[in-house]
Amino acid sequence: MKKLLTLCLLLLAGATHAQGVMQFSDDNHDFGSVPEGTMATYEFKFKNTGNQPVIIANVQASCGCTTPDWTKTPVLPGKTGIIKAMYNSAGRPGVFNKTVTVTSNATEPSKVLSIKGSVMTKDQMRPTLTPAQLAQSPHLVLDRGTHDFGKLEAGQQPMARFTVKNTGKTELVLGALTSGCYCVGYKNNPAPIAPGQSAVVELLYTQRQLGQVTDVVTLTSNDLSGDAKITLKANIVRDLSGNSMLKESATAVPFK
């Protein structure tokens, strides 16, 4: 009876200690100087040194500027997994210090990883770059630099399409749009553009100021040679209906 009780206790103790262990090679990363417009990305690698699979339930970033990704399948004992942290530096010059929190079934159920660095404008970075680094940069080329919407009614949200080509040697990543009017945005988040490839970028325009308007938009990217400029023009009127009426049998009807 005593031997049976001892065996049960040993089995219970073994079950209690059966758990996965996430052993990280490092839990913080310093990017150093990051050119504005780039997506600073780092992979935190870990090994499961426990005796049960590790399952990551969620990874939560400390801000919307950091996007996490992680190994979605169970990490078996002795195997490795990753936690990826991607910081969008577009429009964010200066020092950054962000965290991602990993929630899992491991012995340490909540693990905090950190990334930091200093985002520098391209004007700040350019003197420090070698010709080889500049040669390896992606290069953004627009099919045109101006779009005229013509006459628009206040409250309309027209769209302008631009073709962007990457004539550089590495992947082109488009960043934030900035303008003095805060009235321009992407219709959809643009995907990275491979070297030698082109993509159509759709911009939505929500200018409400009446009259002839001209807005200069800066299109940021990881092109180290500089950011692209787009000029949007429009004639904003209060109501277009008065300009689109025809007289038909002495009755005003909308233009079709």
Protein backbone atom coordinates (compact mmCIF):
# COMPACT_ATOMS: atom_id res chain seq x y z
CA MET A 1 0.00 0.00 0.00
CA LYS A 2 2.82 2.38 0.90
CA LYS A 3 4.61 1.62 -2.39
CA LEU A 4 1.42 2.31 -4.33
CA LEU A 5 0.97 5.64 -2.51
CA THR A 6 4.59 6.61 -3.25
CA LEU A 7 4.15 5.76 -6.93
CA CYS A 8 1.00 7.88 -7.16
CA LEU A 9 2.79 10.83 -5.56
CA LEU A 10 5.68 10.50 -7.99
CA LEU A 11 3.31 10.40 -10.97
CA LEU A 12 1.42 13.42 -9.64
CA ALA A 13 4.67 15.33 -9.15
CA GLY A 14 5.76 14.44 -12.67
CA ALA A 15 2.45 15.67 -14.09
CA THR A 16 2.72 18.91 -12.12
CA HIS A 17 6.14 19.66 -13.59
CA ALA A 18 5.19 18.64 -17.15
CA GLN A 19 5.24 21.98 -18.91
CA GLY A 20 6.88 23.78 -21.79
CA VAL A 21 9.69 26.30 -21.18
CA MET A 22 10.42 29.23 -23.51
CA GLN A 23 14.16 29.92 -23.38
CA PHE A 24 14.92 33.09 -25.38
CA SER A 25 18.33 33.85 -26.81
CA ASP A 26 17.65 37.49 -25.90
CA ASP A 27 14.63 39.46 -24.71
CA ASN A 28 15.56 42.97 -25.89
CA HIS A 29 16.95 44.37 -29.12
CA ASP A 30 18.51 47.73 -29.96
CA PHE A 31 18.15 48.68 -33.65
CA GLY A 32 20.47 51.65 -33.24
CA SER A 33 19.86 54.24 -35.96
CA VAL A 34 16.87 53.51 -38.19
CA PRO A 35 16.17 55.48 -41.41
CA GLU A 36 12.71 57.04 -41.26
CA GLY A 37 10.23 55.19 -43.44
CA THR A 38 11.67 51.72 -42.90
CA MET A 39 9.93 48.84 -41.15
CA ALA A 40 12.41 47.91 -38.41
CA THR A 41 12.00 44.15 -37.92
CA TYR A 42 13.55 41.77 -35.43
CA GLU A 43 12.90 38.10 -34.67
CA PHE A 44 13.21 36.95 -31.07
CA LYS A 45 14.07 33.24 -31.16
CA PHE A 46 13.27 30.81 -28.36
CA LYS A 47 13.76 27.11 -27.69
CA ASN A 48 11.32 24.91 -25.82
CA THR A 49 13.51 23.35 -23.12
CA GLY A 50 10.54 21.86 -21.29
CA ASN A 51 8.84 18.49 -21.66
CA GLN A 52 5.50 19.62 -23.14
CA PRO A 53 4.59 21.62 -26.27
CA VAL A 54 4.51 25.41 -25.96
CA ILE A 55 1.41 27.04 -27.41
CA ILE A 56 1.43 30.83 -27.86
CA ALA A 57 -2.05 32.19 -27.25
CA ASN A 58 -1.38 35.84 -28.15
CA VAL A 59 1.29 38.51 -28.62
CA GLN A 60 0.24 42.07 -27.76
CA ALA A 61 2.24 45.14 -28.79
CA SER A 62 2.42 48.24 -26.57
CA CYS A 63 1.36 50.53 -29.43
CA GLY A 64 -0.25 50.48 -32.84
CA CYS A 65 3.09 51.40 -34.45
CA THR A 66 4.45 47.92 -33.63
CA THR A 67 3.07 44.83 -35.37
CA PRO A 68 3.79 41.40 -33.86
CA ASP A 69 3.86 37.99 -35.50
CA TRP A 70 4.71 34.61 -34.00
CA THR A 71 4.88 30.85 -34.47
CA LYS A 72 1.24 29.77 -34.62
CA THR A 73 1.79 25.99 -34.34
CA PRO A 74 2.71 24.22 -31.07
CA VAL A 75 6.47 24.26 -30.43
CA LEU A 76 7.47 20.74 -29.40
CA PRO A 77 10.12 20.04 -26.73
CA GLY A 78 13.59 20.69 -28.15
CA LYS A 79 12.24 22.72 -31.07
CA THR A 80 12.43 26.47 -31.71
CA GLY A 81 9.94 29.23 -32.44
CA ILE A 82 9.99 32.97 -33.10
CA ILE A 83 8.33 36.17 -31.96
CA LYS A 84 8.63 38.88 -34.64
CA ALA A 85 8.35 42.58 -33.77
CA MET A 86 7.94 45.08 -36.62
CA TYR A 87 8.18 48.83 -35.85
CA ASN A 88 6.83 51.25 -38.47
CA SER A 89 9.18 54.25 -38.39
CA ALA A 90 7.29 56.30 -41.01
CA GLY A 91 6.55 59.77 -39.65
CA ARG A 92 8.08 58.93 -36.26
CA PRO A 93 11.52 60.58 -36.01
CA GLY A 94 13.26 60.34 -32.65
CA VAL A 95 13.89 57.73 -29.97
CA PHE A 96 11.49 54.79 -29.53
CA ASN A 97 11.20 52.09 -26.88
CA LYS A 98 8.39 49.54 -27.37
CA THR A 99 7.39 46.17 -25.96
CA VAL A 100 5.51 43.07 -27.01
CA THR A 101 3.94 40.79 -24.40
CA VAL A 102 3.82 37.05 -25.13
CA THR A 103 1.04 35.01 -23.53
CA SER A 104 1.45 31.22 -23.60
CA ASN A 105 1.06 27.97 -21.65
CA ALA A 106 4.77 27.95 -20.74
CA THR A 107 6.18 28.05 -17.21
CA GLU A 108 6.39 31.84 -17.61
CA PRO A 109 2.87 32.52 -18.91
CA SER A 110 3.53 36.21 -19.67
CA LYS A 111 6.86 37.26 -21.18
CA VAL A 112 7.75 40.85 -22.12
CA LEU A 113 10.18 41.51 -25.00
CA SER A 114 11.44 44.98 -25.87
CA ILE A 115 12.79 46.81 -28.91
CA LYS A 116 14.36 50.25 -29.06
CA GLY A 117 16.23 52.55 -31.38
CA SER A 118 16.40 56.03 -32.83
CA VAL A 119 14.57 56.98 -36.02
CA MET A 120 16.57 59.44 -38.09
CA THR A 121 15.32 61.48 -41.03
CA LYS A 122 16.80 60.67 -44.40
CA ASP A 123 18.60 64.02 -44.41
CA GLN A 124 20.26 62.99 -41.12
CA MET A 125 21.10 59.52 -42.37
CA ARG A 126 22.34 60.34 -45.86
CA PRO A 127 25.80 61.69 -44.89
CA THR A 128 26.48 58.49 -42.92
CA LEU A 129 25.53 56.10 -45.72
CA THR A 130 28.15 54.54 -47.97
CA PRO A 131 27.74 54.48 -51.77
CA ALA A 132 27.20 50.71 -51.50
CA GLN A 133 24.33 51.19 -49.03
CA LEU A 134 22.69 53.79 -51.26
CA ALA A 135 23.12 51.51 -54.27
CA GLN A 136 21.28 48.69 -52.45
CA SER A 137 18.36 50.95 -51.47
CA PRO A 138 14.95 50.62 -53.10
CA HIS A 139 14.02 53.53 -55.36
CA LEU A 140 10.50 54.93 -55.72
CA VAL A 141 9.41 56.31 -59.10
CA LEU A 142 5.93 57.79 -59.65
CA ASP A 143 4.18 57.81 -63.01
CA ARG A 144 3.34 61.49 -62.38
CA GLY A 145 3.64 64.05 -59.62
CA THR A 146 0.31 65.91 -59.98
CA HIS A 147 -3.39 65.04 -60.08
CA ASP A 148 -6.20 67.53 -60.74
CA PHE A 149 -9.64 66.42 -59.55
CA GLY A 150 -11.33 69.35 -61.26
CA LYS A 151 -14.60 70.57 -59.75
CA LEU A 152 -15.70 68.72 -56.61
CA GLU A 153 -18.62 69.11 -54.24
CA ALA A 154 -17.71 69.64 -50.59
CA GLY A 155 -18.02 66.33 -48.75
CA GLN A 156 -17.10 64.16 -51.74
CA GLN A 157 -14.26 61.66 -51.31
CA PRO A 158 -12.70 61.14 -54.74
CA MET A 159 -9.83 58.75 -55.41
CA ALA A 160 -6.62 59.26 -57.35
CA ARG A 161 -4.59 56.34 -58.70
CA PHE A 162 -0.83 56.53 -59.06
CA THR A 163 1.53 53.88 -60.41
CA VAL A 164 4.59 53.35 -58.23
CA LYS A 165 7.61 51.52 -59.62
CA ASN A 166 10.56 50.22 -57.62
CA THR A 167 13.68 50.70 -59.75
CA GLY A 168 15.98 49.84 -56.83
CA LYS A 169 17.60 46.56 -55.79
CA THR A 170 15.65 45.75 -52.62
CA GLU A 171 11.98 45.62 -51.63
CA LEU A 172 10.18 48.99 -51.51
CA VAL A 173 7.93 49.54 -48.48
CA LEU A 174 5.57 52.52 -48.62
CA GLY A 175 5.01 54.37 -45.37
CA ALA A 176 2.74 57.12 -44.09
CA LEU A 177 1.17 59.91 -46.13
CA THR A 178 1.64 63.40 -44.70
CA SER A 179 0.06 66.67 -45.79
CA GLY A 180 -0.71 70.05 -44.29
CA CYS A 181 -4.45 69.50 -44.72
CA TYR A 182 -4.55 66.03 -43.10
CA CYS A 183 -7.02 65.17 -45.85
CA VAL A 184 -5.26 62.38 -47.78
CA GLY A 185 -5.11 58.67 -46.97
CA TYR A 186 -4.64 55.27 -48.56
CA LYS A 187 -7.76 53.44 -49.71
CA ASN A 188 -5.96 50.21 -48.79
CA ASN A 189 -2.61 49.65 -47.10
CA PRO A 190 -0.09 49.18 -49.94
CA ALA A 191 1.86 45.94 -50.13
CA PRO A 192 5.68 45.90 -50.48
CA ILE A 193 6.89 46.25 -54.08
CA ALA A 194 9.64 43.93 -55.29
CA PRO A 195 12.62 45.26 -57.28
CA GLY A 196 11.67 46.01 -60.88
CA GLN A 197 7.94 45.71 -60.15
CA SER A 198 5.12 48.28 -60.17
CA ALA A 199 1.92 48.68 -58.16
CA VAL A 200 -1.12 50.96 -58.27
CA VAL A 201 -1.59 53.08 -55.15
CA GLU A 202 -5.05 54.55 -54.50
CA LEU A 203 -5.32 57.78 -52.52
CA LEU A 204 -8.54 59.14 -51.01
CA TYR A 205 -8.98 62.92 -50.87
CA THR A 206 -11.30 64.53 -48.28
CA GLN A 207 -10.62 68.25 -48.68
CA ARG A 208 -13.57 70.39 -47.49
CA GLN A 209 -12.14 73.88 -47.91
CA LEU A 210 -14.10 75.78 -50.58
CA GLY A 211 -12.42 77.29 -53.61
CA GLN A 212 -9.30 76.44 -55.59
CA VAL A 213 -7.06 74.28 -53.39
CA THR A 214 -3.61 72.77 -53.85
CA ASP A 215 -2.24 70.21 -51.38
CA VAL A 216 1.27 68.78 -51.42
CA VAL A 217 1.41 65.21 -50.10
CA THR A 218 4.61 63.49 -48.96
CA LEU A 219 4.73 59.77 -49.67
CA THR A 220 7.26 58.24 -47.28
CA SER A 221 9.06 54.96 -47.92
CA ASN A 222 12.30 53.11 -47.22
CA ASP A 223 13.89 54.72 -50.29
CA LEU A 224 17.03 56.18 -48.73
CA SER A 225 17.41 58.80 -51.46
CA GLY A 226 14.36 60.72 -50.22
CA ASP A 227 10.56 60.83 -50.08
CA ALA A 228 8.22 61.41 -53.03
CA LYS A 229 5.98 64.45 -53.40
CA ILE A 230 2.50 64.46 -54.96
CA THR A 231 0.50 67.61 -55.69
CA LEU A 232 -3.31 67.34 -55.56
CA LYS A 233 -5.51 70.10 -56.99
CA ALA A 234 -9.26 70.68 -56.93
CA ASN A 235 -11.95 73.33 -57.17
CA ILE A 236 -14.23 72.68 -54.19
CA VAL A 237 -17.78 74.07 -54.50
CA ARG A 238 -20.61 73.94 -52.03
CA ASP A 239 -23.11 72.29 -54.37
CA LEU A 240 -22.67 70.84 -57.84
CA SER A 241 -26.39 70.43 -58.52
CA GLY A 242 -26.82 74.01 -59.73
CA ASN A 243 -24.15 73.40 -62.36
CA SER A 244 -25.66 70.16 -63.63
CA MET A 245 -29.29 71.10 -64.32
CA LEU A 246 -30.89 71.21 -67.75
CA LYS A 247 -34.05 72.97 -68.75
CA GLU A 248 -36.52 70.46 -70.08
CA SER A 249 -40.08 71.69 -70.81
CA ALA A 250 -39.48 74.58 -68.45
CA THR A 251 -38.72 72.09 -65.65
CA ALA A 252 -35.25 71.73 -64.12
CA VAL A 253 -34.09 68.13 -64.10
CA PRO A 254 -30.73 66.64 -62.96
CA PHE A 255 -28.16 66.03 -65.64
CA LYS A 256 -27.85 62.31 -66.36
